Amino acid sequence: MGSHAAGFLVMLYAAEQQRRRAQQTLTELRQNLHVKRRHWEWQRLVRMRHYITLDCLKNPACSSWMDTWTGGTDENLITFTSFSRGVC
């Protein structure tokens, strides 16, 4: 009976060690998955922000700055930028 009990204890110990290793592996996989999900979400948000801000940006040729530069007087340019055309 003693050898059977010792064999049973060895089997229980081996099963416990295997369970601990499996639990550790599962914990590491969950942590890695969490990190990857956060990275994917960050990339998605950056793409969304790019699409939102892209529509808000004006064409530089149609901006008020270019209207003042091309069609405004020197006085308008100085008022707008504090620079004269000779400095720019």
PDB file of N, CA and C in Angstrom:
ATOM      1  N   MET A   1       0.819  -1.186   0.000  1.00  0.00           N
ATOM      2  CA  MET A   1       0.000   0.000   0.000  1.00  0.00           C
ATOM      3  C   MET A   1       0.866   1.254   0.000  1.00  0.00           C
ATOM      4  N   GLY A   2       2.040   1.212   0.599  1.00  0.00           N
ATOM      5  CA  GLY A   2       2.916   2.361   0.676  1.00  0.00           C
ATOM      6  C   GLY A   2       3.428   2.792  -0.683  1.00  0.00           C
ATOM      7  N   SER A   3       3.761   1.837  -1.543  1.00  0.00           N
ATOM      8  CA  SER A   3       4.268   2.194  -2.870  1.00  0.00           C
ATOM      9  C   SER A   3       3.160   2.766  -3.746  1.00  0.00           C
ATOM     10  N   HIS A   4       1.924   2.277  -3.533  1.00  0.00           N
ATOM     11  CA  HIS A   4       0.795   2.824  -4.295  1.00  0.00           C
ATOM     12  C   HIS A   4       0.514   4.264  -3.873  1.00  0.00           C
ATOM     13  N   ALA A   5       0.615   4.532  -2.582  1.00  0.00           N
ATOM     14  CA  ALA A   5       0.379   5.888  -2.074  1.00  0.00           C
ATOM     15  C   ALA A   5       1.467   6.830  -2.581  1.00  0.00           C
ATOM     16  N   ALA A   6       2.712   6.362  -2.589  1.00  0.00           N
ATOM     17  CA  ALA A   6       3.812   7.196  -3.079  1.00  0.00           C
ATOM     18  C   ALA A   6       3.642   7.472  -4.573  1.00  0.00           C
ATOM     19  N   GLY A   7       3.253   6.461  -5.337  1.00  0.00           N
ATOM     20  CA  GLY A   7       3.013   6.643  -6.771  1.00  0.00           C
ATOM     21  C   GLY A   7       1.876   7.611  -7.028  1.00  0.00           C
ATOM     22  N   PHE A   8       0.849   7.505  -6.193  1.00  0.00           N
ATOM     23  CA  PHE A   8      -0.291   8.416  -6.323  1.00  0.00           C
ATOM     24  C   PHE A   8       0.126   9.856  -6.023  1.00  0.00           C
ATOM     25  N   LEU A   9       0.958  10.050  -4.988  1.00  0.00           N
ATOM     26  CA  LEU A   9       1.436  11.392  -4.645  1.00  0.00           C
ATOM     27  C   LEU A   9       2.315  11.968  -5.757  1.00  0.00           C
ATOM     28  N   VAL A  10       3.147  11.126  -6.349  1.00  0.00           N
ATOM     29  CA  VAL A  10       3.988  11.583  -7.466  1.00  0.00           C
ATOM     30  C   VAL A  10       3.103  11.995  -8.637  1.00  0.00           C
ATOM     31  N   MET A  11       2.057  11.214  -8.906  1.00  0.00           N
ATOM     32  CA  MET A  11       1.136  11.543  -9.987  1.00  0.00           C
ATOM     33  C   MET A  11       0.409  12.864  -9.695  1.00  0.00           C
ATOM     34  N   LEU A  12      -0.038  13.055  -8.449  1.00  0.00           N
ATOM     35  CA  LEU A  12      -0.702  14.309  -8.076  1.00  0.00           C
ATOM     36  C   LEU A  12       0.244  15.500  -8.211  1.00  0.00           C
ATOM     37  N   TYR A  13       1.499  15.309  -7.781  1.00  0.00           N
ATOM     38  CA  TYR A  13       2.485  16.386  -7.880  1.00  0.00           C
ATOM     39  C   TYR A  13       2.739  16.753  -9.347  1.00  0.00           C
ATOM     40  N   ALA A  14       2.876  15.757 -10.207  1.00  0.00           N
ATOM     41  CA  ALA A  14       3.109  16.007 -11.635  1.00  0.00           C
ATOM     42  C   ALA A  14       1.908  16.712 -12.259  1.00  0.00           C
ATOM     43  N   ALA A  15       0.708  16.292 -11.879  1.00  0.00           N
ATOM     44  CA  ALA A  15      -0.498  16.938 -12.414  1.00  0.00           C
ATOM     45  C   ALA A  15      -0.580  18.389 -11.950  1.00  0.00           C
ATOM     46  N   GLU A  16      -0.222  18.636 -10.695  1.00  0.00           N
ATOM     47  CA  GLU A  16      -0.245  20.011 -10.167  1.00  0.00           C
ATOM     48  C   GLU A  16       0.782  20.888 -10.891  1.00  0.00           C
ATOM     49  N   GLN A  17       1.964  20.354 -11.146  1.00  0.00           N
ATOM     50  CA  GLN A  17       2.986  21.105 -11.875  1.00  0.00           C
ATOM     51  C   GLN A  17       2.515  21.423 -13.296  1.00  0.00           C
ATOM     52  N   GLN A  18       1.902  20.450 -13.938  1.00  0.00           N
ATOM     53  CA  GLN A  18       1.391  20.669 -15.290  1.00  0.00           C
ATOM     54  C   GLN A  18       0.281  21.718 -15.272  1.00  0.00           C
ATOM     55  N   ARG A  19      -0.594  21.680 -14.269  1.00  0.00           N
ATOM     56  CA  ARG A  19      -1.670  22.666 -14.152  1.00  0.00           C
ATOM     57  C   ARG A  19      -1.098  24.069 -13.950  1.00  0.00           C
ATOM     58  N   ARG A  20      -0.067  24.179 -13.119  1.00  0.00           N
ATOM     59  CA  ARG A  20       0.563  25.494 -12.884  1.00  0.00           C
ATOM     60  C   ARG A  20       1.202  26.041 -14.161  1.00  0.00           C
ATOM     61  N   ARG A  21       1.886  25.156 -14.901  1.00  0.00           N
ATOM     62  CA  ARG A  21       2.492  25.611 -16.164  1.00  0.00           C
ATOM     63  C   ARG A  21       1.421  26.049 -17.159  1.00  0.00           C
ATOM     64  N   ALA A  22       0.343  25.288 -17.228  1.00  0.00           N
ATOM     65  CA  ALA A  22      -0.751  25.647 -18.142  1.00  0.00           C
ATOM     66  C   ALA A  22      -1.392  26.967 -17.722  1.00  0.00           C
ATOM     67  N   GLN A  23      -1.565  27.166 -16.422  1.00  0.00           N
ATOM     68  CA  GLN A  23      -2.146  28.417 -15.922  1.00  0.00           C
ATOM     69  C   GLN A  23      -1.227  29.599 -16.234  1.00  0.00           C
ATOM     70  N   GLN A  24       0.073  29.418 -16.064  1.00  0.00           N
ATOM     71  CA  GLN A  24       1.040  30.477 -16.365  1.00  0.00           C
ATOM     72  C   GLN A  24       1.021  30.807 -17.858  1.00  0.00           C
ATOM     73  N   THR A  25       0.975  29.789 -18.697  1.00  0.00           N
ATOM     74  CA  THR A  25       0.916  29.998 -20.147  1.00  0.00           C
ATOM     75  C   THR A  25      -0.359  30.733 -20.536  1.00  0.00           C
ATOM     76  N   LEU A  26      -1.471  30.332 -19.943  1.00  0.00           N
ATOM     77  CA  LEU A  26      -2.743  30.987 -20.228  1.00  0.00           C
ATOM     78  C   LEU A  26      -2.713  32.456 -19.801  1.00  0.00           C
ATOM     79  N   THR A  27      -2.134  32.740 -18.647  1.00  0.00           N
ATOM     80  CA  THR A  27      -2.019  34.126 -18.176  1.00  0.00           C
ATOM     81  C   THR A  27      -1.171  34.953 -19.137  1.00  0.00           C
ATOM     82  N   GLU A  28      -0.052  34.395 -19.587  1.00  0.00           N
ATOM     83  CA  GLU A  28       0.811  35.111 -20.533  1.00  0.00           C
ATOM     84  C   GLU A  28       0.091  35.359 -21.857  1.00  0.00           C
ATOM     85  N   LEU A  29      -0.646  34.362 -22.340  1.00  0.00           N
ATOM     86  CA  LEU A  29      -1.394  34.536 -23.589  1.00  0.00           C
ATOM     87  C   LEU A  29      -2.460  35.615 -23.451  1.00  0.00           C
ATOM     88  N   ARG A  30      -3.146  35.651 -22.319  1.00  0.00           N
ATOM     89  CA  ARG A  30      -4.158  36.686 -22.100  1.00  0.00           C
ATOM     90  C   ARG A  30      -3.527  38.074 -22.061  1.00  0.00           C
ATOM     91  N   GLN A  31      -2.369  38.184 -21.413  1.00  0.00           N
ATOM     92  CA  GLN A  31      -1.683  39.478 -21.363  1.00  0.00           C
ATOM     93  C   GLN A  31      -1.243  39.915 -22.757  1.00  0.00           C
ATOM     94  N   ASN A  32      -0.690  38.984 -23.529  1.00  0.00           N
ATOM     95  CA  ASN A  32      -0.268  39.315 -24.896  1.00  0.00           C
ATOM     96  C   ASN A  32      -1.456  39.721 -25.759  1.00  0.00           C
ATOM     97  N   LEU A  33      -2.571  39.014 -25.605  1.00  0.00           N
ATOM     98  CA  LEU A  33      -3.773  39.355 -26.358  1.00  0.00           C
ATOM     99  C   LEU A  33      -4.274  40.744 -25.977  1.00  0.00           C
ATOM    100  N   HIS A  34      -4.224  41.069 -24.694  1.00  0.00           N
ATOM    101  CA  HIS A  34      -4.650  42.392 -24.240  1.00  0.00           C
ATOM    102  C   HIS A  34      -3.773  43.488 -24.857  1.00  0.00           C
ATOM    103  N   VAL A  35      -2.472  43.265 -24.881  1.00  0.00           N
ATOM    104  CA  VAL A  35      -1.551  44.242 -25.471  1.00  0.00           C
ATOM    105  C   VAL A  35      -1.833  44.399 -26.964  1.00  0.00           C
ATOM    106  N   LYS A  36      -2.041  43.294 -27.663  1.00  0.00           N
ATOM    107  CA  LYS A  36      -2.325  43.368 -29.100  1.00  0.00           C
ATOM    108  C   LYS A  36      -3.653  44.060 -29.371  1.00  0.00           C
ATOM    109  N   ARG A  37      -4.678  43.780 -28.568  1.00  0.00           N
ATOM    110  CA  ARG A  37      -5.963  44.459 -28.744  1.00  0.00           C
ATOM    111  C   ARG A  37      -5.819  45.962 -28.552  1.00  0.00           C
ATOM    112  N   ARG A  38      -5.066  46.370 -27.545  1.00  0.00           N
ATOM    113  CA  ARG A  38      -4.855  47.805 -27.324  1.00  0.00           C
ATOM    114  C   ARG A  38      -4.124  48.431 -28.499  1.00  0.00           C
ATOM    115  N   HIS A  39      -3.148  47.720 -29.052  1.00  0.00           N
ATOM    116  CA  HIS A  39      -2.410  48.237 -30.208  1.00  0.00           C
ATOM    117  C   HIS A  39      -3.329  48.352 -31.424  1.00  0.00           C
ATOM    118  N   TRP A  40      -4.158  47.340 -31.668  1.00  0.00           N
ATOM    119  CA  TRP A  40      -5.100  47.383 -32.797  1.00  0.00           C
ATOM    120  C   TRP A  40      -6.095  48.525 -32.625  1.00  0.00           C
ATOM    121  N   GLU A  41      -6.585  48.703 -31.399  1.00  0.00           N
ATOM    122  CA  GLU A  41      -7.543  49.782 -31.146  1.00  0.00           C
ATOM    123  C   GLU A  41      -6.877  51.143 -31.356  1.00  0.00           C
ATOM    124  N   TRP A  42      -5.628  51.270 -30.917  1.00  0.00           N
ATOM    125  CA  TRP A  42      -4.902  52.527 -31.114  1.00  0.00           C
ATOM    126  C   TRP A  42      -4.742  52.809 -32.612  1.00  0.00           C
ATOM    127  N   GLN A  43      -4.377  51.792 -33.398  1.00  0.00           N
ATOM    128  CA  GLN A  43      -4.238  51.979 -34.844  1.00  0.00           C
ATOM    129  C   GLN A  43      -5.570  52.379 -35.472  1.00  0.00           C
ATOM    130  N   ARG A  44      -6.661  51.753 -35.033  1.00  0.00           N
ATOM    131  CA  ARG A  44      -7.984  52.083 -35.567  1.00  0.00           C
ATOM    132  C   ARG A  44      -8.345  53.528 -35.251  1.00  0.00           C
ATOM    133  N   LEU A  45      -8.062  53.963 -34.027  1.00  0.00           N
ATOM    134  CA  LEU A  45      -8.380  55.339 -33.648  1.00  0.00           C
ATOM    135  C   LEU A  45      -7.543  56.347 -34.428  1.00  0.00           C
ATOM    136  N   VAL A  46      -6.288  56.014 -34.688  1.00  0.00           N
ATOM    137  CA  VAL A  46      -5.440  56.909 -35.482  1.00  0.00           C
ATOM    138  C   VAL A  46      -5.991  57.028 -36.896  1.00  0.00           C
ATOM    139  N   ARG A  47      -6.429  55.908 -37.487  1.00  0.00           N
ATOM    140  CA  ARG A  47      -7.015  55.966 -38.831  1.00  0.00           C
ATOM    141  C   ARG A  47      -8.293  56.799 -38.828  1.00  0.00           C
ATOM    142  N   MET A  48      -9.145  56.608 -37.819  1.00  0.00           N
ATOM    143  CA  MET A  48     -10.388  57.385 -37.745  1.00  0.00           C
ATOM    144  C   MET A  48     -10.081  58.870 -37.601  1.00  0.00           C
ATOM    145  N   ARG A  49      -9.130  59.210 -36.736  1.00  0.00           N
ATOM    146  CA  ARG A  49      -8.783  60.608 -36.525  1.00  0.00           C
ATOM    147  C   ARG A  49      -8.245  61.214 -37.810  1.00  0.00           C
ATOM    148  N   HIS A  50      -7.468  60.427 -38.564  1.00  0.00           N
ATOM    149  CA  HIS A  50      -6.929  60.911 -39.833  1.00  0.00           C
ATOM    150  C   HIS A  50      -8.067  61.229 -40.804  1.00  0.00           C
ATOM    151  N   TYR A  51      -9.047  60.330 -40.917  1.00  0.00           N
ATOM    152  CA  TYR A  51     -10.165  60.559 -41.833  1.00  0.00           C
ATOM    153  C   TYR A  51     -10.995  61.762 -41.405  1.00  0.00           C
ATOM    154  N   ILE A  52     -11.178  61.945 -40.109  1.00  0.00           N
ATOM    155  CA  ILE A  52     -11.973  63.075 -39.621  1.00  0.00           C
ATOM    156  C   ILE A  52     -11.254  64.388 -39.892  1.00  0.00           C
ATOM    157  N   THR A  53      -9.973  64.465 -39.548  1.00  0.00           N
ATOM    158  CA  THR A  53      -9.247  65.721 -39.740  1.00  0.00           C
ATOM    159  C   THR A  53      -8.951  65.986 -41.205  1.00  0.00           C
ATOM    160  N   LEU A  54      -8.844  64.946 -42.006  1.00  0.00           N
ATOM    161  CA  LEU A  54      -8.562  65.141 -43.425  1.00  0.00           C
ATOM    162  C   LEU A  54      -9.673  65.937 -44.097  1.00  0.00           C
ATOM    163  N   ASP A  55     -10.925  65.662 -43.732  1.00  0.00           N
ATOM    164  CA  ASP A  55     -12.048  66.392 -44.315  1.00  0.00           C
ATOM    165  C   ASP A  55     -12.108  67.837 -43.823  1.00  0.00           C
ATOM    166  N   CYS A  56     -11.550  68.114 -42.654  1.00  0.00           N
ATOM    167  CA  CYS A  56     -11.606  69.466 -42.096  1.00  0.00           C
ATOM    168  C   CYS A  56     -10.545  70.386 -42.695  1.00  0.00           C
ATOM    169  N   LEU A  57      -9.487  69.823 -43.256  1.00  0.00           N
ATOM    170  CA  LEU A  57      -8.402  70.643 -43.779  1.00  0.00           C
ATOM    171  C   LEU A  57      -8.797  71.268 -45.110  1.00  0.00           C
ATOM    172  N   LYS A  58      -8.429  72.511 -45.259  1.00  0.00           N
ATOM    173  CA  LYS A  58      -8.697  73.213 -46.514  1.00  0.00           C
ATOM    174  C   LYS A  58      -7.568  72.980 -47.505  1.00  0.00           C
ATOM    175  N   ASN A  59      -7.897  73.172 -48.742  1.00  0.00           N
ATOM    176  CA  ASN A  59      -6.882  73.189 -49.778  1.00  0.00           C
ATOM    177  C   ASN A  59      -6.069  74.470 -49.568  1.00  0.00           C
ATOM    178  N   PRO A  60      -4.738  74.397 -49.490  1.00  0.00           N
ATOM    179  CA  PRO A  60      -3.943  75.601 -49.219  1.00  0.00           C
ATOM    180  C   PRO A  60      -4.164  76.717 -50.236  1.00  0.00           C
ATOM    181  N   ALA A  61      -4.449  76.370 -51.472  1.00  0.00           N
ATOM    182  CA  ALA A  61      -4.664  77.398 -52.488  1.00  0.00           C
ATOM    183  C   ALA A  61      -5.953  78.175 -52.246  1.00  0.00           C
ATOM    184  N   CYS A  62      -6.896  77.595 -51.507  1.00  0.00           N
ATOM    185  CA  CYS A  62      -8.181  78.252 -51.232  1.00  0.00           C
ATOM    186  C   CYS A  62      -8.222  78.903 -49.854  1.00  0.00           C
ATOM    187  N   SER A  63      -7.127  78.920 -49.145  1.00  0.00           N
ATOM    188  CA  SER A  63      -7.137  79.438 -47.777  1.00  0.00           C
ATOM    189  C   SER A  63      -7.152  80.965 -47.769  1.00  0.00           C
ATOM    190  N   SER A  64      -7.546  81.514 -46.645  1.00  0.00           N
ATOM    191  CA  SER A  64      -7.595  82.972 -46.524  1.00  0.00           C
ATOM    192  C   SER A  64      -6.197  83.577 -46.606  1.00  0.00           C
ATOM    193  N   TRP A  65      -5.193  82.832 -46.181  1.00  0.00           N
ATOM    194  CA  TRP A  65      -3.814  83.304 -46.282  1.00  0.00           C
ATOM    195  C   TRP A  65      -3.435  83.544 -47.742  1.00  0.00           C
ATOM    196  N   MET A  66      -3.771  82.614 -48.627  1.00  0.00           N
ATOM    197  CA  MET A  66      -3.431  82.772 -50.044  1.00  0.00           C
ATOM    198  C   MET A  66      -4.237  83.896 -50.681  1.00  0.00           C
ATOM    199  N   ASP A  67      -5.488  84.085 -50.257  1.00  0.00           N
ATOM    200  CA  ASP A  67      -6.273  85.212 -50.765  1.00  0.00           C
ATOM    201  C   ASP A  67      -5.599  86.528 -50.410  1.00  0.00           C
ATOM    202  N   THR A  68      -5.128  86.626 -49.173  1.00  0.00           N
ATOM    203  CA  THR A  68      -4.450  87.856 -48.747  1.00  0.00           C
ATOM    204  C   THR A  68      -3.126  88.016 -49.486  1.00  0.00           C
ATOM    205  N   TRP A  69      -2.397  86.932 -49.667  1.00  0.00           N
ATOM    206  CA  TRP A  69      -1.090  86.998 -50.329  1.00  0.00           C
ATOM    207  C   TRP A  69      -1.230  87.381 -51.802  1.00  0.00           C
ATOM    208  N   THR A  70      -2.181  86.777 -52.493  1.00  0.00           N
ATOM    209  CA  THR A  70      -2.293  87.025 -53.931  1.00  0.00           C
ATOM    210  C   THR A  70      -3.134  88.245 -54.266  1.00  0.00           C
ATOM    211  N   GLY A  71      -4.207  88.500 -53.540  1.00  0.00           N
ATOM    212  CA  GLY A  71      -5.115  89.571 -53.931  1.00  0.00           C
ATOM    213  C   GLY A  71      -5.179  90.735 -52.971  1.00  0.00           C
ATOM    214  N   GLY A  72      -4.557  90.603 -51.822  1.00  0.00           N
ATOM    215  CA  GLY A  72      -4.640  91.678 -50.837  1.00  0.00           C
ATOM    216  C   GLY A  72      -3.588  92.744 -51.049  1.00  0.00           C
ATOM    217  N   THR A  73      -3.780  93.853 -50.377  1.00  0.00           N
ATOM    218  CA  THR A  73      -2.799  94.937 -50.454  1.00  0.00           C
ATOM    219  C   THR A  73      -1.693  94.672 -49.442  1.00  0.00           C
ATOM    220  N   ASP A  74      -0.629  95.476 -49.553  1.00  0.00           N
ATOM    221  CA  ASP A  74       0.460  95.350 -48.582  1.00  0.00           C
ATOM    222  C   ASP A  74      -0.025  95.651 -47.172  1.00  0.00           C
ATOM    223  N   GLU A  75      -0.948  96.584 -47.068  1.00  0.00           N
ATOM    224  CA  GLU A  75      -1.495  96.936 -45.757  1.00  0.00           C
ATOM    225  C   GLU A  75      -2.257  95.749 -45.152  1.00  0.00           C
ATOM    226  N   ASN A  76      -3.021  95.041 -45.982  1.00  0.00           N
ATOM    227  CA  ASN A  76      -3.731  93.845 -45.502  1.00  0.00           C
ATOM    228  C   ASN A  76      -2.743  92.775 -45.043  1.00  0.00           C
ATOM    229  N   LEU A  77      -1.678  92.596 -45.815  1.00  0.00           N
ATOM    230  CA  LEU A  77      -0.691  91.580 -45.476  1.00  0.00           C
ATOM    231  C   LEU A  77       0.016  91.918 -44.173  1.00  0.00           C
ATOM    232  N   ILE A  78       0.376  93.175 -43.992  1.00  0.00           N
ATOM    233  CA  ILE A  78       1.033  93.581 -42.748  1.00  0.00           C
ATOM    234  C   ILE A  78       0.091  93.398 -41.568  1.00  0.00           C
ATOM    235  N   THR A  79      -1.172  93.734 -41.733  1.00  0.00           N
ATOM    236  CA  THR A  79      -2.144  93.560 -40.658  1.00  0.00           C
ATOM    237  C   THR A  79      -2.326  92.082 -40.332  1.00  0.00           C
ATOM    238  N   PHE A  80      -2.344  91.255 -41.341  1.00  0.00           N
ATOM    239  CA  PHE A  80      -2.606  89.823 -41.160  1.00  0.00           C
ATOM    240  C   PHE A  80      -1.412  89.094 -40.557  1.00  0.00           C
ATOM    241  N   THR A  81      -0.190  89.450 -40.993  1.00  0.00           N
ATOM    242  CA  THR A  81       0.991  88.672 -40.600  1.00  0.00           C
ATOM    243  C   THR A  81       2.056  89.461 -39.865  1.00  0.00           C
ATOM    244  N   SER A  82       1.969  90.761 -39.847  1.00  0.00           N
ATOM    245  CA  SER A  82       3.006  91.648 -39.306  1.00  0.00           C
ATOM    246  C   SER A  82       4.278  91.607 -40.143  1.00  0.00           C
ATOM    247  N   PHE A  83       4.212  91.077 -41.358  1.00  0.00           N
ATOM    248  CA  PHE A  83       5.332  91.077 -42.290  1.00  0.00           C
ATOM    249  C   PHE A  83       4.938  91.829 -43.546  1.00  0.00           C
ATOM    250  N   SER A  84       5.945  92.402 -44.197  1.00  0.00           N
ATOM    251  CA  SER A  84       5.684  92.993 -45.511  1.00  0.00           C
ATOM    252  C   SER A  84       6.127  91.988 -46.577  1.00  0.00           C
ATOM    253  N   ARG A  85       5.757  92.241 -47.824  1.00  0.00           N
ATOM    254  CA  ARG A  85       6.107  91.307 -48.896  1.00  0.00           C
ATOM    255  C   ARG A  85       7.617  91.208 -49.095  1.00  0.00           C
ATOM    256  N   GLY A  86       8.342  92.262 -48.838  1.00  0.00           N
ATOM    257  CA  GLY A  86       9.789  92.231 -48.992  1.00  0.00           C
ATOM    258  C   GLY A  86      10.460  91.302 -47.989  1.00  0.00           C
ATOM    259  N   VAL A  87       9.885  91.175 -46.803  1.00  0.00           N
ATOM    260  CA  VAL A  87      10.457  90.306 -45.776  1.00  0.00           C
ATOM    261  C   VAL A  87      10.152  88.847 -46.087  1.00  0.00           C
ATOM    262  N   CYS A  88       8.964  88.585 -46.595  1.00  0.00           N
ATOM    263  CA  CYS A  88       8.568  87.195 -46.874  1.00  0.00           C
ATOM    264  C   CYS A  88       9.309  86.735 -48.092  1.00  0.00           C
TER     265      CYS A  88
END
